[in-house]
Amino acid sequence: MLIGHLGDEVKMHYFEGGNCIGRFPLATNESYTNRQSGEKVTQTEWHNVVLRNKAAEICEKYLKKGDKIYIEGRLKTRQWTGDDGQNRYSTEVHASDFTFLTPKEQSGASSVMSNASVQQSNAHTSSTSNDSMVVEDQEDDLPF
């Protein structure tokens, strides 16, 4: 589970058969006060977020750089050999649920959904009118 801000726009990649993947960097911050100096310290961690199909399309449509989002998912590490022969690794967050946290007034989209929860479906499962996507439109009454 992560809460953070988009570091860039959602980058989409489309495949044959209609499937797609969306990727974006997510910045999470941890703030604390240094006991010795009394100075407030903020550390930023960057995460690579991956969304599939309908979830990716929704994020591409409604999110922009800087928007705040809540993400739930699982970690997946990929390994490959670079041009120099060295093994390279990349850890990604494969999102299964998300909620937009940026208020409508602050977002760049004119009609942004304030809450969207999307369950990922298997790439081989065809979409039906009763998708596993749940969208609720409500006022910004978040408790934080």
N, C-alpha and C. Protein backbone atom coordinates (compact mmCIF):
# COMPACT_ATOMS: atom_id res chain seq x y z
N MET A 1 0.85 -1.17 0.00
CA MET A 1 0.00 0.00 0.00
C MET A 1 0.90 1.23 0.00
N LEU A 2 0.64 2.13 -0.91
CA LEU A 2 1.43 3.35 -1.04
C LEU A 2 0.52 4.55 -1.25
N ILE A 3 0.91 5.68 -0.68
CA ILE A 3 0.28 6.96 -0.98
C ILE A 3 1.39 7.88 -1.43
N GLY A 4 1.22 8.45 -2.62
CA GLY A 4 2.26 9.32 -3.14
C GLY A 4 1.76 10.19 -4.27
N HIS A 5 2.71 10.88 -4.91
CA HIS A 5 2.42 11.79 -6.00
C HIS A 5 3.05 11.26 -7.29
N LEU A 6 2.33 11.42 -8.41
CA LEU A 6 2.87 11.01 -9.69
C LEU A 6 4.07 11.87 -10.05
N GLY A 7 5.14 11.23 -10.48
CA GLY A 7 6.34 11.94 -10.87
C GLY A 7 6.35 12.30 -12.34
N ASP A 8 5.42 11.75 -13.11
CA ASP A 8 5.34 12.00 -14.54
C ASP A 8 3.95 11.57 -15.02
N GLU A 9 3.65 11.85 -16.27
CA GLU A 9 2.39 11.41 -16.86
C GLU A 9 2.39 9.89 -17.00
N VAL A 10 1.22 9.28 -17.12
CA VAL A 10 1.09 7.84 -17.33
C VAL A 10 1.52 7.53 -18.76
N LYS A 11 2.49 6.63 -18.91
CA LYS A 11 2.97 6.21 -20.23
C LYS A 11 2.28 4.91 -20.60
N MET A 12 1.62 4.90 -21.75
CA MET A 12 0.85 3.74 -22.18
C MET A 12 1.60 2.96 -23.25
N HIS A 13 1.40 1.64 -23.24
CA HIS A 13 1.92 0.75 -24.28
C HIS A 13 0.79 -0.21 -24.65
N TYR A 14 0.43 -0.23 -25.93
CA TYR A 14 -0.69 -1.05 -26.40
C TYR A 14 -0.15 -2.29 -27.12
N PHE A 15 -0.84 -3.41 -26.95
CA PHE A 15 -0.46 -4.67 -27.56
C PHE A 15 -1.53 -5.12 -28.54
N GLU A 16 -1.17 -6.10 -29.38
CA GLU A 16 -2.16 -6.71 -30.26
C GLU A 16 -3.20 -7.41 -29.41
N GLY A 17 -4.43 -7.39 -29.83
CA GLY A 17 -5.49 -8.01 -29.06
C GLY A 17 -6.20 -7.04 -28.13
N GLY A 18 -5.75 -5.78 -28.09
CA GLY A 18 -6.45 -4.77 -27.31
C GLY A 18 -5.97 -4.57 -25.89
N ASN A 19 -5.03 -5.37 -25.41
CA ASN A 19 -4.53 -5.18 -24.06
C ASN A 19 -3.53 -4.03 -24.01
N CYS A 20 -3.36 -3.45 -22.83
CA CYS A 20 -2.41 -2.35 -22.67
C CYS A 20 -1.83 -2.34 -21.27
N ILE A 21 -0.70 -1.63 -21.15
CA ILE A 21 -0.04 -1.44 -19.86
C ILE A 21 0.24 0.04 -19.71
N GLY A 22 0.00 0.55 -18.50
CA GLY A 22 0.34 1.93 -18.18
C GLY A 22 1.40 1.93 -17.08
N ARG A 23 2.37 2.83 -17.19
CA ARG A 23 3.44 2.92 -16.20
C ARG A 23 3.62 4.37 -15.79
N PHE A 24 3.94 4.57 -14.50
CA PHE A 24 4.30 5.90 -14.04
C PHE A 24 5.14 5.80 -12.77
N PRO A 25 6.01 6.78 -12.54
CA PRO A 25 6.77 6.80 -11.29
C PRO A 25 5.93 7.43 -10.19
N LEU A 26 6.05 6.90 -8.97
CA LEU A 26 5.31 7.40 -7.82
C LEU A 26 6.31 7.78 -6.73
N ALA A 27 6.20 9.00 -6.22
CA ALA A 27 7.08 9.48 -5.16
C ALA A 27 6.35 9.40 -3.83
N THR A 28 6.96 8.71 -2.85
CA THR A 28 6.43 8.68 -1.49
C THR A 28 7.42 9.39 -0.59
N ASN A 29 6.90 10.12 0.40
CA ASN A 29 7.75 10.91 1.29
C ASN A 29 7.62 10.43 2.73
N GLU A 30 8.73 10.45 3.43
CA GLU A 30 8.76 10.17 4.86
C GLU A 30 9.41 11.37 5.52
N SER A 31 8.73 11.97 6.48
CA SER A 31 9.25 13.15 7.19
C SER A 31 9.44 12.84 8.66
N TYR A 32 10.53 13.34 9.20
CA TYR A 32 10.81 13.19 10.62
C TYR A 32 11.68 14.34 11.08
N THR A 33 11.78 14.51 12.39
CA THR A 33 12.61 15.57 12.96
C THR A 33 13.90 14.95 13.51
N ASN A 34 15.02 15.47 13.08
CA ASN A 34 16.32 15.02 13.55
C ASN A 34 16.46 15.39 15.02
N ARG A 35 16.70 14.40 15.88
CA ARG A 35 16.74 14.64 17.33
C ARG A 35 17.92 15.52 17.73
N GLN A 36 19.01 15.41 17.03
CA GLN A 36 20.21 16.18 17.41
C GLN A 36 20.12 17.64 16.98
N SER A 37 19.69 17.87 15.73
CA SER A 37 19.67 19.24 15.22
C SER A 37 18.30 19.90 15.33
N GLY A 38 17.24 19.10 15.50
CA GLY A 38 15.89 19.65 15.54
C GLY A 38 15.35 20.01 14.16
N GLU A 39 16.12 19.68 13.13
CA GLU A 39 15.75 20.00 11.75
C GLU A 39 14.78 18.95 11.21
N LYS A 40 13.79 19.41 10.44
CA LYS A 40 12.84 18.50 9.81
C LYS A 40 13.49 17.93 8.55
N VAL A 41 13.48 16.59 8.44
CA VAL A 41 14.10 15.90 7.32
C VAL A 41 13.02 15.17 6.54
N THR A 42 13.05 15.30 5.21
CA THR A 42 12.11 14.58 4.35
C THR A 42 12.90 13.71 3.39
N GLN A 43 12.55 12.42 3.35
CA GLN A 43 13.19 11.49 2.42
C GLN A 43 12.15 11.05 1.41
N THR A 44 12.53 11.07 0.14
CA THR A 44 11.64 10.67 -0.95
C THR A 44 12.11 9.35 -1.54
N GLU A 45 11.18 8.42 -1.70
CA GLU A 45 11.45 7.15 -2.38
C GLU A 45 10.64 7.13 -3.66
N TRP A 46 11.21 6.57 -4.72
CA TRP A 46 10.53 6.46 -6.01
C TRP A 46 10.16 5.01 -6.28
N HIS A 47 8.94 4.81 -6.78
CA HIS A 47 8.42 3.48 -7.08
C HIS A 47 7.92 3.47 -8.52
N ASN A 48 8.17 2.37 -9.22
CA ASN A 48 7.65 2.20 -10.58
C ASN A 48 6.33 1.46 -10.50
N VAL A 49 5.24 2.13 -10.90
CA VAL A 49 3.89 1.55 -10.81
C VAL A 49 3.46 1.07 -12.18
N VAL A 50 2.88 -0.13 -12.24
CA VAL A 50 2.39 -0.73 -13.48
C VAL A 50 0.92 -1.05 -13.31
N LEU A 51 0.11 -0.63 -14.29
CA LEU A 51 -1.33 -0.93 -14.31
C LEU A 51 -1.66 -1.60 -15.64
N ARG A 52 -2.68 -2.41 -15.65
CA ARG A 52 -3.06 -3.12 -16.87
C ARG A 52 -4.47 -2.74 -17.34
N ASN A 53 -4.63 -2.77 -18.64
CA ASN A 53 -5.91 -2.66 -19.33
C ASN A 53 -6.77 -1.49 -18.86
N LYS A 54 -7.98 -1.75 -18.35
CA LYS A 54 -8.94 -0.69 -18.00
C LYS A 54 -8.38 0.25 -16.93
N ALA A 55 -7.68 -0.31 -15.94
CA ALA A 55 -7.10 0.51 -14.88
C ALA A 55 -6.09 1.49 -15.46
N ALA A 56 -5.28 1.03 -16.40
CA ALA A 56 -4.28 1.90 -17.03
C ALA A 56 -4.95 3.01 -17.82
N GLU A 57 -6.01 2.68 -18.54
CA GLU A 57 -6.72 3.68 -19.35
C GLU A 57 -7.37 4.74 -18.46
N ILE A 58 -7.93 4.33 -17.32
CA ILE A 58 -8.55 5.28 -16.39
C ILE A 58 -7.50 6.23 -15.83
N CYS A 59 -6.37 5.69 -15.42
CA CYS A 59 -5.31 6.53 -14.87
C CYS A 59 -4.75 7.48 -15.92
N GLU A 60 -4.59 7.00 -17.14
CA GLU A 60 -4.09 7.88 -18.21
C GLU A 60 -5.05 9.05 -18.44
N LYS A 61 -6.34 8.76 -18.39
CA LYS A 61 -7.36 9.78 -18.67
C LYS A 61 -7.47 10.82 -17.56
N TYR A 62 -7.39 10.39 -16.30
CA TYR A 62 -7.73 11.28 -15.19
C TYR A 62 -6.55 11.77 -14.35
N LEU A 63 -5.38 11.18 -14.49
CA LEU A 63 -4.24 11.60 -13.66
C LEU A 63 -3.25 12.43 -14.45
N LYS A 64 -2.58 13.33 -13.74
CA LYS A 64 -1.51 14.11 -14.34
C LYS A 64 -0.36 14.19 -13.34
N LYS A 65 0.77 14.63 -13.81
CA LYS A 65 1.96 14.74 -12.97
C LYS A 65 1.64 15.58 -11.73
N GLY A 66 2.03 15.07 -10.56
CA GLY A 66 1.81 15.78 -9.30
C GLY A 66 0.57 15.35 -8.56
N ASP A 67 -0.37 14.67 -9.21
CA ASP A 67 -1.59 14.22 -8.53
C ASP A 67 -1.27 13.19 -7.46
N LYS A 68 -2.06 13.21 -6.40
CA LYS A 68 -1.88 12.29 -5.28
C LYS A 68 -2.78 11.08 -5.48
N ILE A 69 -2.23 9.88 -5.19
CA ILE A 69 -2.98 8.65 -5.42
C ILE A 69 -2.61 7.62 -4.35
N TYR A 70 -3.59 6.79 -4.00
CA TYR A 70 -3.39 5.65 -3.12
C TYR A 70 -3.34 4.41 -4.00
N ILE A 71 -2.31 3.59 -3.83
CA ILE A 71 -2.11 2.39 -4.66
C ILE A 71 -2.01 1.17 -3.76
N GLU A 72 -2.67 0.08 -4.15
CA GLU A 72 -2.48 -1.23 -3.54
C GLU A 72 -2.04 -2.17 -4.63
N GLY A 73 -1.09 -3.03 -4.30
CA GLY A 73 -0.63 -3.98 -5.30
C GLY A 73 0.42 -4.91 -4.75
N ARG A 74 1.11 -5.57 -5.65
CA ARG A 74 2.15 -6.50 -5.26
C ARG A 74 3.45 -6.12 -5.94
N LEU A 75 4.55 -6.49 -5.33
CA LEU A 75 5.85 -6.20 -5.89
C LEU A 75 6.26 -7.30 -6.86
N LYS A 76 6.88 -6.90 -7.96
CA LYS A 76 7.40 -7.86 -8.93
C LYS A 76 8.77 -7.36 -9.36
N THR A 77 9.78 -8.23 -9.27
CA THR A 77 11.14 -7.87 -9.67
C THR A 77 11.47 -8.54 -10.99
N ARG A 78 11.95 -7.75 -11.93
CA ARG A 78 12.37 -8.27 -13.24
C ARG A 78 13.89 -8.27 -13.29
N GLN A 79 14.45 -9.22 -14.02
CA GLN A 79 15.90 -9.30 -14.19
C GLN A 79 16.21 -9.41 -15.68
N TRP A 80 17.26 -8.72 -16.12
CA TRP A 80 17.73 -8.81 -17.50
C TRP A 80 19.23 -8.53 -17.52
N THR A 81 19.83 -8.86 -18.66
CA THR A 81 21.26 -8.62 -18.82
C THR A 81 21.44 -7.36 -19.66
N GLY A 82 22.19 -6.41 -19.13
CA GLY A 82 22.43 -5.15 -19.82
C GLY A 82 23.40 -5.31 -20.96
N ASP A 83 23.60 -4.23 -21.73
CA ASP A 83 24.52 -4.25 -22.87
C ASP A 83 25.95 -4.55 -22.44
N ASP A 84 26.27 -4.21 -21.20
CA ASP A 84 27.62 -4.44 -20.69
C ASP A 84 27.80 -5.84 -20.09
N GLY A 85 26.78 -6.70 -20.19
CA GLY A 85 26.87 -8.05 -19.68
C GLY A 85 26.51 -8.19 -18.22
N GLN A 86 26.22 -7.10 -17.53
CA GLN A 86 25.87 -7.13 -16.11
C GLN A 86 24.38 -7.42 -15.94
N ASN A 87 24.05 -8.15 -14.89
CA ASN A 87 22.65 -8.40 -14.57
C ASN A 87 22.03 -7.12 -14.01
N ARG A 88 20.86 -6.78 -14.47
CA ARG A 88 20.12 -5.61 -14.02
C ARG A 88 18.81 -6.07 -13.40
N TYR A 89 18.32 -5.27 -12.44
CA TYR A 89 17.08 -5.60 -11.74
C TYR A 89 16.19 -4.36 -11.68
N SER A 90 14.89 -4.59 -11.74
CA SER A 90 13.93 -3.52 -11.59
C SER A 90 12.75 -4.06 -10.78
N THR A 91 12.39 -3.35 -9.72
CA THR A 91 11.24 -3.75 -8.91
C THR A 91 10.08 -2.82 -9.22
N GLU A 92 8.93 -3.41 -9.51
CA GLU A 92 7.74 -2.64 -9.87
C GLU A 92 6.60 -2.97 -8.92
N VAL A 93 5.68 -2.02 -8.77
CA VAL A 93 4.44 -2.24 -8.03
C VAL A 93 3.35 -2.50 -9.06
N HIS A 94 2.86 -3.74 -9.12
CA HIS A 94 1.76 -4.08 -10.03
C HIS A 94 0.46 -3.80 -9.29
N ALA A 95 -0.17 -2.69 -9.63
CA ALA A 95 -1.33 -2.19 -8.89
C ALA A 95 -2.57 -3.05 -9.15
N SER A 96 -3.30 -3.33 -8.07
CA SER A 96 -4.57 -4.04 -8.19
C SER A 96 -5.74 -3.13 -7.82
N ASP A 97 -5.50 -2.15 -6.93
CA ASP A 97 -6.52 -1.18 -6.52
C ASP A 97 -5.88 0.19 -6.46
N PHE A 98 -6.67 1.22 -6.68
CA PHE A 98 -6.17 2.58 -6.53
C PHE A 98 -7.33 3.51 -6.19
N THR A 99 -6.99 4.63 -5.57
CA THR A 99 -7.96 5.68 -5.26
C THR A 99 -7.31 7.02 -5.54
N PHE A 100 -7.98 7.86 -6.31
CA PHE A 100 -7.49 9.21 -6.57
C PHE A 100 -7.67 10.05 -5.31
N LEU A 101 -6.64 10.75 -4.88
CA LEU A 101 -6.71 11.55 -3.67
C LEU A 101 -6.65 13.05 -3.93
N THR A 102 -6.28 13.47 -5.13
CA THR A 102 -6.25 14.89 -5.46
C THR A 102 -7.68 15.38 -5.66
N PRO A 103 -8.08 16.45 -4.94
CA PRO A 103 -9.44 16.98 -5.11
C PRO A 103 -9.70 17.41 -6.55
N LYS A 104 -10.95 17.34 -6.96
CA LYS A 104 -11.34 17.69 -8.32
C LYS A 104 -10.87 19.09 -8.71
N GLU A 105 -10.97 20.03 -7.78
CA GLU A 105 -10.63 21.42 -8.08
C GLU A 105 -9.14 21.58 -8.38
N GLN A 106 -8.30 20.71 -7.82
CA GLN A 106 -6.85 20.84 -8.00
C GLN A 106 -6.34 20.02 -9.16
N SER A 107 -7.13 19.10 -9.67
CA SER A 107 -6.69 18.25 -10.76
C SER A 107 -6.84 18.96 -12.09
N GLY A 108 -6.09 18.50 -13.08
CA GLY A 108 -6.13 19.12 -14.41
C GLY A 108 -7.34 18.71 -15.22
N ALA A 109 -7.97 17.59 -14.89
CA ALA A 109 -9.13 17.13 -15.64
C ALA A 109 -10.37 17.86 -15.17
N SER A 110 -11.30 18.09 -16.09
CA SER A 110 -12.50 18.85 -15.75
C SER A 110 -13.52 18.01 -14.97
N SER A 111 -13.58 16.73 -15.24
CA SER A 111 -14.55 15.88 -14.53
C SER A 111 -13.85 14.64 -14.01
N VAL A 112 -13.00 14.83 -13.01
CA VAL A 112 -12.22 13.74 -12.45
C VAL A 112 -13.05 12.95 -11.46
N MET A 113 -12.90 11.64 -11.50
CA MET A 113 -13.55 10.81 -10.49
C MET A 113 -12.76 10.96 -9.20
N SER A 114 -13.43 11.19 -8.10
CA SER A 114 -12.73 11.37 -6.83
C SER A 114 -12.35 10.04 -6.20
N ASN A 115 -13.00 8.96 -6.60
CA ASN A 115 -12.69 7.67 -6.02
C ASN A 115 -12.86 6.61 -7.10
N ALA A 116 -11.81 5.85 -7.36
CA ALA A 116 -11.90 4.77 -8.34
C ALA A 116 -11.18 3.56 -7.80
N SER A 117 -11.85 2.43 -7.81
CA SER A 117 -11.23 1.19 -7.36
C SER A 117 -11.39 0.19 -8.48
N VAL A 118 -10.27 -0.36 -8.92
CA VAL A 118 -10.30 -1.27 -10.05
C VAL A 118 -9.61 -2.56 -9.67
N GLN A 119 -10.30 -3.66 -9.83
CA GLN A 119 -9.70 -4.97 -9.64
C GLN A 119 -9.16 -5.41 -11.00
N GLN A 120 -7.91 -5.84 -11.01
CA GLN A 120 -7.29 -6.29 -12.25
C GLN A 120 -7.92 -7.61 -12.66
N SER A 121 -8.16 -7.77 -13.95
CA SER A 121 -8.67 -9.04 -14.43
C SER A 121 -7.58 -9.71 -15.26
N ASN A 122 -7.66 -10.99 -15.38
CA ASN A 122 -6.67 -11.74 -16.14
C ASN A 122 -6.69 -11.27 -17.58
N ALA A 123 -5.54 -11.21 -18.21
CA ALA A 123 -5.43 -10.72 -19.58
C ALA A 123 -6.22 -11.59 -20.55
N HIS A 124 -6.44 -12.84 -20.18
CA HIS A 124 -7.18 -13.73 -21.08
C HIS A 124 -8.68 -13.65 -20.87
N THR A 125 -9.13 -12.98 -19.83
CA THR A 125 -10.56 -12.84 -19.56
C THR A 125 -11.11 -11.70 -20.40
N SER A 126 -12.18 -11.96 -21.10
CA SER A 126 -12.76 -10.90 -21.92
C SER A 126 -13.60 -9.98 -21.06
N SER A 127 -13.67 -8.71 -21.45
CA SER A 127 -14.46 -7.74 -20.70
C SER A 127 -15.93 -7.94 -20.99
N THR A 128 -16.73 -7.79 -19.94
CA THR A 128 -18.17 -7.86 -20.09
C THR A 128 -18.75 -6.57 -19.57
N SER A 129 -20.05 -6.42 -19.69
CA SER A 129 -20.68 -5.20 -19.21
C SER A 129 -20.62 -5.12 -17.70
N ASN A 130 -20.40 -6.23 -17.03
CA ASN A 130 -20.28 -6.24 -15.57
C ASN A 130 -18.82 -6.43 -15.20
N ASP A 131 -17.97 -5.50 -15.66
CA ASP A 131 -16.53 -5.56 -15.38
C ASP A 131 -16.28 -5.56 -13.89
N SER A 132 -15.07 -5.88 -13.54
CA SER A 132 -14.70 -5.87 -12.14
C SER A 132 -14.31 -4.48 -11.68
N MET A 133 -14.63 -3.46 -12.49
CA MET A 133 -14.31 -2.09 -12.12
C MET A 133 -15.46 -1.49 -11.33
N VAL A 134 -15.14 -0.87 -10.23
CA VAL A 134 -16.13 -0.19 -9.40
C VAL A 134 -15.75 1.27 -9.35
N VAL A 135 -16.67 2.15 -9.70
CA VAL A 135 -16.39 3.58 -9.69
C VAL A 135 -17.45 4.27 -8.86
N GLU A 136 -17.00 5.04 -7.89
CA GLU A 136 -17.92 5.79 -7.06
C GLU A 136 -17.60 7.26 -7.21
N ASP A 137 -18.59 8.08 -7.48
CA ASP A 137 -18.40 9.52 -7.58
C ASP A 137 -19.00 10.15 -6.33
N GLN A 138 -18.15 10.78 -5.53
CA GLN A 138 -18.61 11.38 -4.28
C GLN A 138 -17.83 12.64 -4.01
N GLU A 139 -18.33 13.43 -3.07
CA GLU A 139 -17.64 14.66 -2.68
C GLU A 139 -16.34 14.29 -1.99
N ASP A 140 -15.41 15.24 -1.94
CA ASP A 140 -14.13 15.02 -1.30
C ASP A 140 -14.28 15.09 0.22
N ASP A 141 -14.68 14.00 0.84
CA ASP A 141 -14.85 13.95 2.29
C ASP A 141 -13.86 12.97 2.91
N LEU A 142 -12.62 13.00 2.41
CA LEU A 142 -11.60 12.11 2.93
C LEU A 142 -11.25 12.49 4.36
N PRO A 143 -10.96 11.52 5.22
CA PRO A 143 -10.69 11.82 6.63
C PRO A 143 -9.30 12.39 6.88
N PHE A 144 -8.48 12.54 5.85
CA PHE A 144 -7.13 13.08 6.04
C PHE A 144 -6.79 14.09 4.99
